[in-house]
Each structure stands twice: as C-alpha cells, then as structure tokens.
C-alpha cells in the first residue's frame, strides 16, 4: 500500500530565514564637537566684548528706518542697478569685440580692459570728479553745452566710475562664457544659414548664460558694497548718509554698524535672488535641480526625525 505524501505541507513550508538586519552604528566625530565648542566660545567672547564696549546699541534701531537712511539705501540700490546695467551691456560688447577677428576692434577692447582693470576704482572716481581741470566745458554742439563742473555731478561721477570699471570685469566674464560654448554649435548654425549676429543671439549666448550668471551674481553683490566708495565724490549713498548722521548725532560708530547691518541685509536678499537665477539656468545641464533653501530645511528636519541606525 502506497501512501501519498503531500509535498505542500510540512517543514518545507517554512520560508528560509533571511539575512539579519544590519545595525548601522554611526561614527562618532569628536573633532566636530571640539571645533563647535571652540567656535561658540570665541563667538561668545566677541559678543561679550562688544556688549561691554561704550556703544549705544539703542541708537541703531532708532535710526534704522530713518528717512535719510532709507534715502541713502534707495540711492545705493539705484546706483548698483544702473552701474551693473552699464557694466553688463558694455561687457558683452567688449567681449564680442575681444573675440573679433578684426585686429582693430580686438585691440581696442584689450586696451580698455587692461586700463580699467589695472587702475583702482577709487582712483577712477577721483579722476572723473576732477576732469574739470582738463576739460573746462563740455560741448556736444547744438545738443548740449555746459561747464564741466555743472555737468559732472556726484551721481554722474559715481555712475561712470563704477559702470565703466565694471564693464572691464564683465567683459572677461562674458568672454569666458562665450568660449565655454562648443565651436560646433557655431559651425552648425552657420551651416544652417544663420548670420554671425543671429548665431550669437539665438545659439551661443543662451548656452553661455549658465557660465556667465554665477560670477555676474557675485559682481552684483560686490557692486552693492563698492558703492560705498562714492562717498569720496560727495554722493549721498548709504555710507555717506550714515556718516553724516553719525557726526550730527554724536554716534559715529553706531551709524557705521547700522550701515553694515543694511549692507548685510541687502546682500542677503541679492544672494537669494542669485541662487534662484543660477537654479533656473541649471535646468539644461543638471539631471536634477539643486534643492531650494526651503527644501533643504525640510530635508534636514526629516533627517532629524529618523531613528538612529534605521532607515526612513
């Protein structure tokens, strides 16, 4: 008599035991804790030293939104935007001239960049302000004629000094961006019958923006701080107004701290704008866009809530 054995039952039904879960033990970085304690101690000592100094910290919030201070902030932003506009437009033209096969235009662009990059911007501002010693009048024929001292106002001096100097630096940034685009793109555009100008406008410059935008953002932030130099030509920007208020109110150091606080605030806002602009132009070159500050904060908060050694 044969007995059928049911192969679907019995010990064979027990699933094979899987590998044991790996318990990840995080590595302890004692150097980080020591460095953090030292840094916090130094920061605390600096804060304590300033708190014990003879500085009237209450004057800073009292004048932070003063009408004159806000006017200086507005003049600083206006000068920054207009100077960068001149610098960007002039930089693009100079970069194209520098890359031109025409030796005359290329040499002119090279000389301009060499001169304005080789002399300090403060010296250039003072020279513009004192050009009345060379040119007594400015004569544009029937369009405009006036004395140089009346024509070259502090605002115009600051605008020309900063804008023309910035054009030299932007020229090198734009040239680097244009050279970063593969020559095959230009050759393909010319093979399709595009002119040189149309190739630059439609093919080369859009691809070069990915290289041009990050240093341009740095130049904008640097320009915002460089505007403080125009106080030497009597233009009423933020630093000049803060110094004037400090002299009349008897709180010169406090007003300098106030100006520094405004510069920090403005540069922080510009830095956020630069980040999102870089993120926009990174769409065609990165597989995944870098996270926004809000996404970074959210990811850090989620990582803090995960159990140690486990998986989310």
Foldseek 3Di string as FASTA:
>chain_A
DDDDDPPCDDPVVDDDDDDDDDQDDDDDDVVVVVVVVVVVVVVVVVVVVVVPDPADLVVLVVCLVPPLLVVQAVLLVVLLVLLLVLQQVLLLCLLCQCPDPPPVSVVVSVVLLCVLVVDDLLVQLVCLQPCCVVPQWDDPDPPDIDGSNVVCALSNSSSCSRNSSSNSVSNVQLNVLLVVDDVVQVVVCVVVVDDPVVSCVPPRVLNSCLSNLLVSLVVSLVSSVVSLSSVVSVDSHNNVSLCVCCVVVVRNVSSVVSSVVVSVVVSVVSVLVSLVVNQVSCVVPDPDGDDHPVVVVVVVVVVVPDDRSDDD
